[in-house]
Amino acid sequence: MYCCVFFQDFANTIPGHGGIMDRFDCQYLMATFVNVYIASFIRGPNPSKVIQQLLALRIDQQLHIFNSLKAHLTEKGFLPALEDFMA
């Protein structure tokens, strides 16, 4: 509770314990770090959010991502190559 000492003598209701801001100022800081930690390490990727972000891109950017993903999946063997369709 003593991470922020800016408001240490903020109130006189309980001597030496600061005021209401002394009780909660560090909670705001810790809540920010906890939120970043959960968003970065706990919560997994959400495919629907990725699709929403892709659809917000310009068409040329979407096509570049599509072609890159198609080339990657073809290289890994998950998609047949274009030559397989021609034969």
PDB file of N, CA and C in Angstrom:
ATOM      1  N   MET A   1       0.808  -1.194   0.000  1.00  0.00           N
ATOM      2  CA  MET A   1       0.000   0.000   0.000  1.00  0.00           C
ATOM      3  C   MET A   1       0.848   1.253   0.000  1.00  0.00           C
ATOM      4  N   TYR A   2       2.159   1.124   0.218  1.00  0.00           N
ATOM      5  CA  TYR A   2       3.002   2.298   0.349  1.00  0.00           C
ATOM      6  C   TYR A   2       3.766   2.607  -0.925  1.00  0.00           C
ATOM      7  N   CYS A   3       3.234   2.172  -2.090  1.00  0.00           N
ATOM      8  CA  CYS A   3       3.980   2.408  -3.327  1.00  0.00           C
ATOM      9  C   CYS A   3       3.911   3.861  -3.767  1.00  0.00           C
ATOM     10  N   CYS A   4       2.885   4.585  -3.397  1.00  0.00           N
ATOM     11  CA  CYS A   4       2.773   5.988  -3.776  1.00  0.00           C
ATOM     12  C   CYS A   4       2.672   6.829  -2.510  1.00  0.00           C
ATOM     13  N   VAL A   5       3.579   7.740  -2.321  1.00  0.00           N
ATOM     14  CA  VAL A   5       3.608   8.521  -1.094  1.00  0.00           C
ATOM     15  C   VAL A   5       3.263   9.979  -1.344  1.00  0.00           C
ATOM     16  N   PHE A   6       2.669  10.285  -2.484  1.00  0.00           N
ATOM     17  CA  PHE A   6       2.353  11.665  -2.819  1.00  0.00           C
ATOM     18  C   PHE A   6       1.309  12.251  -1.876  1.00  0.00           C
ATOM     19  N   PHE A   7       0.361  11.430  -1.439  1.00  0.00           N
ATOM     20  CA  PHE A   7      -0.726  11.911  -0.615  1.00  0.00           C
ATOM     21  C   PHE A   7      -0.643  11.348   0.803  1.00  0.00           C
ATOM     22  N   GLN A   8       0.550  11.173   1.306  1.00  0.00           N
ATOM     23  CA  GLN A   8       0.729  10.526   2.593  1.00  0.00           C
ATOM     24  C   GLN A   8       0.067  11.318   3.728  1.00  0.00           C
ATOM     25  N   ASP A   9       0.160  12.620   3.697  1.00  0.00           N
ATOM     26  CA  ASP A   9      -0.448  13.437   4.745  1.00  0.00           C
ATOM     27  C   ASP A   9      -1.671  14.167   4.199  1.00  0.00           C
ATOM     28  N   PHE A  10      -2.507  13.464   3.457  1.00  0.00           N
ATOM     29  CA  PHE A  10      -3.647  14.077   2.781  1.00  0.00           C
ATOM     30  C   PHE A  10      -4.792  14.367   3.741  1.00  0.00           C
ATOM     31  N   ALA A  11      -4.986  13.545   4.757  1.00  0.00           N
ATOM     32  CA  ALA A  11      -6.101  13.740   5.671  1.00  0.00           C
ATOM     33  C   ALA A  11      -5.635  13.606   7.107  1.00  0.00           C
ATOM     34  N   ASN A  12      -6.415  14.139   7.997  1.00  0.00           N
ATOM     35  CA  ASN A  12      -6.081  14.089   9.420  1.00  0.00           C
ATOM     36  C   ASN A  12      -7.001  13.154  10.191  1.00  0.00           C
ATOM     37  N   THR A  13      -7.859  12.392   9.489  1.00  0.00           N
ATOM     38  CA  THR A  13      -8.803  11.527  10.184  1.00  0.00           C
ATOM     39  C   THR A  13      -8.093  10.397  10.917  1.00  0.00           C
ATOM     40  N   ILE A  14      -7.124   9.754  10.286  1.00  0.00           N
ATOM     41  CA  ILE A  14      -6.305   8.738  10.934  1.00  0.00           C
ATOM     42  C   ILE A  14      -4.867   9.217  10.787  1.00  0.00           C
ATOM     43  N   PRO A  15      -4.265   9.729  11.832  1.00  0.00           N
ATOM     44  CA  PRO A  15      -2.918  10.309  11.710  1.00  0.00           C
ATOM     45  C   PRO A  15      -1.901   9.302  11.170  1.00  0.00           C
ATOM     46  N   GLY A  16      -1.136   9.752  10.173  1.00  0.00           N
ATOM     47  CA  GLY A  16      -0.092   8.923   9.601  1.00  0.00           C
ATOM     48  C   GLY A  16      -0.555   7.960   8.535  1.00  0.00           C
ATOM     49  N   HIS A  17      -1.851   7.903   8.262  1.00  0.00           N
ATOM     50  CA  HIS A  17      -2.362   6.963   7.270  1.00  0.00           C
ATOM     51  C   HIS A  17      -2.817   7.627   5.981  1.00  0.00           C
ATOM     52  N   GLY A  18      -2.725   8.923   5.858  1.00  0.00           N
ATOM     53  CA  GLY A  18      -3.113   9.594   4.638  1.00  0.00           C
ATOM     54  C   GLY A  18      -4.617   9.609   4.464  1.00  0.00           C
ATOM     55  N   GLY A  19      -5.044  10.106   3.357  1.00  0.00           N
ATOM     56  CA  GLY A  19      -6.474  10.208   3.093  1.00  0.00           C
ATOM     57  C   GLY A  19      -6.958   9.140   2.155  1.00  0.00           C
ATOM     58  N   ILE A  20      -8.112   9.385   1.570  1.00  0.00           N
ATOM     59  CA  ILE A  20      -8.730   8.401   0.669  1.00  0.00           C
ATOM     60  C   ILE A  20      -7.871   8.190  -0.575  1.00  0.00           C
ATOM     61  N   MET A  21      -7.212   9.247  -1.034  1.00  0.00           N
ATOM     62  CA  MET A  21      -6.358   9.093  -2.213  1.00  0.00           C
ATOM     63  C   MET A  21      -5.138   8.224  -1.900  1.00  0.00           C
ATOM     64  N   ASP A  22      -4.671   8.270  -0.686  1.00  0.00           N
ATOM     65  CA  ASP A  22      -3.534   7.434  -0.299  1.00  0.00           C
ATOM     66  C   ASP A  22      -3.921   5.965  -0.304  1.00  0.00           C
ATOM     67  N   ARG A  23      -5.161   5.675  -0.090  1.00  0.00           N
ATOM     68  CA  ARG A  23      -5.646   4.293  -0.081  1.00  0.00           C
ATOM     69  C   ARG A  23      -5.803   3.734  -1.497  1.00  0.00           C
ATOM     70  N   PHE A  24      -6.125   4.574  -2.472  1.00  0.00           N
ATOM     71  CA  PHE A  24      -6.495   4.066  -3.788  1.00  0.00           C
ATOM     72  C   PHE A  24      -5.539   4.427  -4.917  1.00  0.00           C
ATOM     73  N   ASP A  25      -4.576   5.298  -4.712  1.00  0.00           N
ATOM     74  CA  ASP A  25      -3.735   5.709  -5.838  1.00  0.00           C
ATOM     75  C   ASP A  25      -2.910   4.557  -6.386  1.00  0.00           C
ATOM     76  N   CYS A  26      -2.429   3.676  -5.555  1.00  0.00           N
ATOM     77  CA  CYS A  26      -1.652   2.538  -6.040  1.00  0.00           C
ATOM     78  C   CYS A  26      -2.537   1.486  -6.695  1.00  0.00           C
ATOM     79  N   GLN A  27      -3.791   1.446  -6.313  1.00  0.00           N
ATOM     80  CA  GLN A  27      -4.707   0.487  -6.920  1.00  0.00           C
ATOM     81  C   GLN A  27      -4.909   0.799  -8.406  1.00  0.00           C
ATOM     82  N   TYR A  28      -4.948   2.075  -8.750  1.00  0.00           N
ATOM     83  CA  TYR A  28      -5.077   2.449 -10.157  1.00  0.00           C
ATOM     84  C   TYR A  28      -3.856   1.984 -10.953  1.00  0.00           C
ATOM     85  N   LEU A  29      -2.686   2.166 -10.389  1.00  0.00           N
ATOM     86  CA  LEU A  29      -1.460   1.743 -11.053  1.00  0.00           C
ATOM     87  C   LEU A  29      -1.435   0.223 -11.223  1.00  0.00           C
ATOM     88  N   MET A  30      -1.770  -0.506 -10.183  1.00  0.00           N
ATOM     89  CA  MET A  30      -1.755  -1.968 -10.254  1.00  0.00           C
ATOM     90  C   MET A  30      -2.845  -2.490 -11.192  1.00  0.00           C
ATOM     91  N   ALA A  31      -3.992  -1.834 -11.225  1.00  0.00           N
ATOM     92  CA  ALA A  31      -5.059  -2.252 -12.134  1.00  0.00           C
ATOM     93  C   ALA A  31      -4.610  -2.117 -13.587  1.00  0.00           C
ATOM     94  N   THR A  32      -3.842  -1.092 -13.881  1.00  0.00           N
ATOM     95  CA  THR A  32      -3.317  -0.922 -15.240  1.00  0.00           C
ATOM     96  C   THR A  32      -2.371  -2.061 -15.593  1.00  0.00           C
ATOM     97  N   PHE A  33      -1.463  -2.403 -14.691  1.00  0.00           N
ATOM     98  CA  PHE A  33      -0.525  -3.492 -14.958  1.00  0.00           C
ATOM     99  C   PHE A  33      -1.236  -4.841 -15.069  1.00  0.00           C
ATOM    100  N   VAL A  34      -2.231  -5.070 -14.234  1.00  0.00           N
ATOM    101  CA  VAL A  34      -2.981  -6.331 -14.298  1.00  0.00           C
ATOM    102  C   VAL A  34      -3.729  -6.420 -15.623  1.00  0.00           C
ATOM    103  N   ASN A  35      -4.318  -5.320 -16.069  1.00  0.00           N
ATOM    104  CA  ASN A  35      -5.029  -5.324 -17.348  1.00  0.00           C
ATOM    105  C   ASN A  35      -4.086  -5.636 -18.504  1.00  0.00           C
ATOM    106  N   VAL A  36      -2.925  -5.026 -18.517  1.00  0.00           N
ATOM    107  CA  VAL A  36      -1.945  -5.292 -19.580  1.00  0.00           C
ATOM    108  C   VAL A  36      -1.479  -6.746 -19.519  1.00  0.00           C
ATOM    109  N   TYR A  37      -1.244  -7.258 -18.320  1.00  0.00           N
ATOM    110  CA  TYR A  37      -0.802  -8.647 -18.159  1.00  0.00           C
ATOM    111  C   TYR A  37      -1.853  -9.623 -18.672  1.00  0.00           C
ATOM    112  N   ILE A  38      -3.102  -9.412 -18.294  1.00  0.00           N
ATOM    113  CA  ILE A  38      -4.173 -10.315 -18.735  1.00  0.00           C
ATOM    114  C   ILE A  38      -4.343 -10.244 -20.247  1.00  0.00           C
ATOM    115  N   ALA A  39      -4.336  -9.032 -20.791  1.00  0.00           N
ATOM    116  CA  ALA A  39      -4.509  -8.881 -22.236  1.00  0.00           C
ATOM    117  C   ALA A  39      -3.344  -9.477 -23.010  1.00  0.00           C
ATOM    118  N   SER A  40      -2.134  -9.464 -22.430  1.00  0.00           N
ATOM    119  CA  SER A  40      -0.955  -9.938 -23.147  1.00  0.00           C
ATOM    120  C   SER A  40      -0.691 -11.429 -22.976  1.00  0.00           C
ATOM    121  N   PHE A  41      -0.909 -11.969 -21.780  1.00  0.00           N
ATOM    122  CA  PHE A  41      -0.461 -13.323 -21.496  1.00  0.00           C
ATOM    123  C   PHE A  41      -1.582 -14.321 -21.193  1.00  0.00           C
ATOM    124  N   ILE A  42      -2.695 -13.874 -20.671  1.00  0.00           N
ATOM    125  CA  ILE A  42      -3.745 -14.795 -20.246  1.00  0.00           C
ATOM    126  C   ILE A  42      -4.763 -15.021 -21.357  1.00  0.00           C
ATOM    127  N   ARG A  43      -5.312 -13.944 -21.850  1.00  0.00           N
ATOM    128  CA  ARG A  43      -6.344 -14.028 -22.882  1.00  0.00           C
ATOM    129  C   ARG A  43      -5.722 -14.494 -24.191  1.00  0.00           C
ATOM    130  N   GLY A  44      -6.280 -15.530 -24.775  1.00  0.00           N
ATOM    131  CA  GLY A  44      -5.757 -16.058 -26.026  1.00  0.00           C
ATOM    132  C   GLY A  44      -6.197 -15.235 -27.217  1.00  0.00           C
ATOM    133  N   PRO A  45      -5.625 -15.513 -28.362  1.00  0.00           N
ATOM    134  CA  PRO A  45      -6.018 -14.782 -29.567  1.00  0.00           C
ATOM    135  C   PRO A  45      -7.459 -15.075 -29.927  1.00  0.00           C
ATOM    136  N   ASN A  46      -8.124 -14.071 -30.423  1.00  0.00           N
ATOM    137  CA  ASN A  46      -9.526 -14.186 -30.797  1.00  0.00           C
ATOM    138  C   ASN A  46      -9.635 -14.075 -32.318  1.00  0.00           C
ATOM    139  N   PRO A  47      -9.959 -15.180 -33.015  1.00  0.00           N
ATOM    140  CA  PRO A  47     -10.003 -15.129 -34.478  1.00  0.00           C
ATOM    141  C   PRO A  47     -11.010 -14.118 -35.020  1.00  0.00           C
ATOM    142  N   SER A  48     -12.116 -13.906 -34.339  1.00  0.00           N
ATOM    143  CA  SER A  48     -13.103 -12.957 -34.856  1.00  0.00           C
ATOM    144  C   SER A  48     -12.554 -11.529 -34.825  1.00  0.00           C
ATOM    145  N   LYS A  49     -11.732 -11.193 -33.830  1.00  0.00           N
ATOM    146  CA  LYS A  49     -11.125  -9.867 -33.800  1.00  0.00           C
ATOM    147  C   LYS A  49     -10.104  -9.703 -34.912  1.00  0.00           C
ATOM    148  N   VAL A  50      -9.382 -10.780 -35.218  1.00  0.00           N
ATOM    149  CA  VAL A  50      -8.409 -10.725 -36.311  1.00  0.00           C
ATOM    150  C   VAL A  50      -9.134 -10.479 -37.634  1.00  0.00           C
ATOM    151  N   ILE A  51     -10.236 -11.182 -37.838  1.00  0.00           N
ATOM    152  CA  ILE A  51     -11.020 -10.989 -39.074  1.00  0.00           C
ATOM    153  C   ILE A  51     -11.554  -9.568 -39.152  1.00  0.00           C
ATOM    154  N   GLN A  52     -12.054  -9.034 -38.051  1.00  0.00           N
ATOM    155  CA  GLN A  52     -12.544  -7.652 -38.045  1.00  0.00           C
ATOM    156  C   GLN A  52     -11.433  -6.676 -38.417  1.00  0.00           C
ATOM    157  N   GLN A  53     -10.243  -6.896 -37.896  1.00  0.00           N
ATOM    158  CA  GLN A  53      -9.128  -6.008 -38.212  1.00  0.00           C
ATOM    159  C   GLN A  53      -8.694  -6.156 -39.665  1.00  0.00           C
ATOM    160  N   LEU A  54      -8.735  -7.378 -40.182  1.00  0.00           N
ATOM    161  CA  LEU A  54      -8.389  -7.579 -41.590  1.00  0.00           C
ATOM    162  C   LEU A  54      -9.386  -6.894 -42.513  1.00  0.00           C
ATOM    163  N   LEU A  55     -10.659  -6.974 -42.175  1.00  0.00           N
ATOM    164  CA  LEU A  55     -11.682  -6.355 -43.016  1.00  0.00           C
ATOM    165  C   LEU A  55     -11.624  -4.834 -42.958  1.00  0.00           C
ATOM    166  N   ALA A  56     -11.000  -4.278 -41.949  1.00  0.00           N
ATOM    167  CA  ALA A  56     -10.864  -2.823 -41.847  1.00  0.00           C
ATOM    168  C   ALA A  56      -9.720  -2.300 -42.714  1.00  0.00           C
ATOM    169  N   LEU A  57      -8.866  -3.196 -43.227  1.00  0.00           N
ATOM    170  CA  LEU A  57      -7.743  -2.779 -44.072  1.00  0.00           C
ATOM    171  C   LEU A  57      -8.215  -2.423 -45.468  1.00  0.00           C
ATOM    172  N   ARG A  58      -7.345  -1.725 -46.215  1.00  0.00           N
ATOM    173  CA  ARG A  58      -7.632  -1.447 -47.628  1.00  0.00           C
ATOM    174  C   ARG A  58      -7.576  -2.755 -48.412  1.00  0.00           C
ATOM    175  N   ILE A  59      -8.192  -2.769 -49.594  1.00  0.00           N
ATOM    176  CA  ILE A  59      -8.258  -3.975 -50.422  1.00  0.00           C
ATOM    177  C   ILE A  59      -6.865  -4.460 -50.805  1.00  0.00           C
ATOM    178  N   ASP A  60      -5.956  -3.557 -51.172  1.00  0.00           N
ATOM    179  CA  ASP A  60      -4.609  -3.995 -51.555  1.00  0.00           C
ATOM    180  C   ASP A  60      -3.877  -4.628 -50.369  1.00  0.00           C
ATOM    181  N   GLN A  61      -4.114  -4.131 -49.160  1.00  0.00           N
ATOM    182  CA  GLN A  61      -3.507  -4.736 -47.978  1.00  0.00           C
ATOM    183  C   GLN A  61      -4.114  -6.109 -47.695  1.00  0.00           C
ATOM    184  N   GLN A  62      -5.426  -6.238 -47.889  1.00  0.00           N
ATOM    185  CA  GLN A  62      -6.081  -7.529 -47.707  1.00  0.00           C
ATOM    186  C   GLN A  62      -5.559  -8.553 -48.705  1.00  0.00           C
ATOM    187  N   LEU A  63      -5.376  -8.133 -49.960  1.00  0.00           N
ATOM    188  CA  LEU A  63      -4.857  -9.048 -50.977  1.00  0.00           C
ATOM    189  C   LEU A  63      -3.421  -9.463 -50.682  1.00  0.00           C
ATOM    190  N   HIS A  64      -2.624  -8.549 -50.182  1.00  0.00           N
ATOM    191  CA  HIS A  64      -1.242  -8.886 -49.816  1.00  0.00           C
ATOM    192  C   HIS A  64      -1.232  -9.935 -48.698  1.00  0.00           C
ATOM    193  N   ILE A  65      -2.058  -9.763 -47.693  1.00  0.00           N
ATOM    194  CA  ILE A  65      -2.139 -10.740 -46.601  1.00  0.00           C
ATOM    195  C   ILE A  65      -2.661 -12.072 -47.118  1.00  0.00           C
ATOM    196  N   PHE A  66      -3.668 -12.032 -47.993  1.00  0.00           N
ATOM    197  CA  PHE A  66      -4.218 -13.264 -48.562  1.00  0.00           C
ATOM    198  C   PHE A  66      -3.154 -14.028 -49.341  1.00  0.00           C
ATOM    199  N   ASN A  67      -2.417 -13.324 -50.192  1.00  0.00           N
ATOM    200  CA  ASN A  67      -1.389 -13.987 -50.998  1.00  0.00           C
ATOM    201  C   ASN A  67      -0.258 -14.525 -50.124  1.00  0.00           C
ATOM    202  N   SER A  68       0.119 -13.794 -49.095  1.00  0.00           N
ATOM    203  CA  SER A  68       1.162 -14.267 -48.176  1.00  0.00           C
ATOM    204  C   SER A  68       0.703 -15.508 -47.431  1.00  0.00           C
ATOM    205  N   LEU A  69      -0.540 -15.500 -46.956  1.00  0.00           N
ATOM    206  CA  LEU A  69      -1.078 -16.654 -46.230  1.00  0.00           C
ATOM    207  C   LEU A  69      -1.231 -17.853 -47.158  1.00  0.00           C
ATOM    208  N   LYS A  70      -1.679 -17.621 -48.392  1.00  0.00           N
ATOM    209  CA  LYS A  70      -1.825 -18.716 -49.363  1.00  0.00           C
ATOM    210  C   LYS A  70      -0.461 -19.332 -49.684  1.00  0.00           C
ATOM    211  N   ALA A  71       0.555 -18.498 -49.864  1.00  0.00           N
ATOM    212  CA  ALA A  71       1.893 -19.011 -50.150  1.00  0.00           C
ATOM    213  C   ALA A  71       2.433 -19.805 -48.960  1.00  0.00           C
ATOM    214  N   HIS A  72       2.197 -19.319 -47.764  1.00  0.00           N
ATOM    215  CA  HIS A  72       2.667 -20.019 -46.568  1.00  0.00           C
ATOM    216  C   HIS A  72       1.967 -21.371 -46.423  1.00  0.00           C
ATOM    217  N   LEU A  73       0.660 -21.413 -46.607  1.00  0.00           N
ATOM    218  CA  LEU A  73      -0.081 -22.668 -46.462  1.00  0.00           C
ATOM    219  C   LEU A  73       0.256 -23.659 -47.573  1.00  0.00           C
ATOM    220  N   THR A  74       0.534 -23.160 -48.772  1.00  0.00           N
ATOM    221  CA  THR A  74       0.950 -24.028 -49.864  1.00  0.00           C
ATOM    222  C   THR A  74       2.326 -24.611 -49.575  1.00  0.00           C
ATOM    223  N   GLU A  75       3.224 -23.773 -49.067  1.00  0.00           N
ATOM    224  CA  GLU A  75       4.583 -24.227 -48.737  1.00  0.00           C
ATOM    225  C   GLU A  75       4.562 -25.292 -47.640  1.00  0.00           C
ATOM    226  N   LYS A  76       3.666 -25.157 -46.680  1.00  0.00           N
ATOM    227  CA  LYS A  76       3.560 -26.130 -45.588  1.00  0.00           C
ATOM    228  C   LYS A  76       2.790 -27.389 -45.991  1.00  0.00           C
ATOM    229  N   GLY A  77       2.163 -27.379 -47.173  1.00  0.00           N
ATOM    230  CA  GLY A  77       1.446 -28.551 -47.651  1.00  0.00           C
ATOM    231  C   GLY A  77      -0.016 -28.619 -47.248  1.00  0.00           C
ATOM    232  N   PHE A  78      -0.551 -27.542 -46.695  1.00  0.00           N
ATOM    233  CA  PHE A  78      -1.954 -27.538 -46.307  1.00  0.00           C
ATOM    234  C   PHE A  78      -2.881 -27.209 -47.466  1.00  0.00           C
ATOM    235  N   LEU A  79      -2.347 -26.531 -48.486  1.00  0.00           N
ATOM    236  CA  LEU A  79      -3.112 -26.215 -49.697  1.00  0.00           C
ATOM    237  C   LEU A  79      -2.386 -26.819 -50.892  1.00  0.00           C
ATOM    238  N   PRO A  80      -3.134 -27.360 -51.858  1.00  0.00           N
ATOM    239  CA  PRO A  80      -2.456 -27.871 -53.057  1.00  0.00           C
ATOM    240  C   PRO A  80      -1.894 -26.717 -53.889  1.00  0.00           C
ATOM    241  N   ALA A  81      -0.797 -26.974 -54.555  1.00  0.00           N
ATOM    242  CA  ALA A  81      -0.173 -25.954 -55.404  1.00  0.00           C
ATOM    243  C   ALA A  81      -1.027 -25.729 -56.625  1.00  0.00           C
ATOM    244  N   LEU A  82      -0.835 -24.594 -57.300  1.00  0.00           N
ATOM    245  CA  LEU A  82      -1.586 -24.248 -58.486  1.00  0.00           C
ATOM    246  C   LEU A  82      -1.354 -25.252 -59.602  1.00  0.00           C
ATOM    247  N   GLU A  83      -0.152 -25.843 -59.661  1.00  0.00           N
ATOM    248  CA  GLU A  83       0.159 -26.823 -60.699  1.00  0.00           C
ATOM    249  C   GLU A  83      -0.707 -28.083 -60.532  1.00  0.00           C
ATOM    250  N   ASP A  84      -1.103 -28.406 -59.290  1.00  0.00           N
ATOM    251  CA  ASP A  84      -1.945 -29.580 -59.072  1.00  0.00           C
ATOM    252  C   ASP A  84      -3.323 -29.399 -59.674  1.00  0.00           C
ATOM    253  N   PHE A  85      -3.824 -28.178 -59.756  1.00  0.00           N
ATOM    254  CA  PHE A  85      -5.130 -27.930 -60.350  1.00  0.00           C
ATOM    255  C   PHE A  85      -5.059 -27.993 -61.863  1.00  0.00           C
ATOM    256  N   MET A  86      -3.910 -27.640 -62.439  1.00  0.00           N
ATOM    257  CA  MET A  86      -3.756 -27.603 -63.896  1.00  0.00           C
ATOM    258  C   MET A  86      -3.610 -29.022 -64.462  1.00  0.00           C
ATOM    259  N   ALA A  87      -3.098 -29.957 -63.686  1.00  0.00           N
ATOM    260  CA  ALA A  87      -2.818 -31.303 -64.200  1.00  0.00           C
ATOM    261  C   ALA A  87      -4.042 -32.152 -64.310  1.00  0.00           C
TER     262      ALA A  87
END
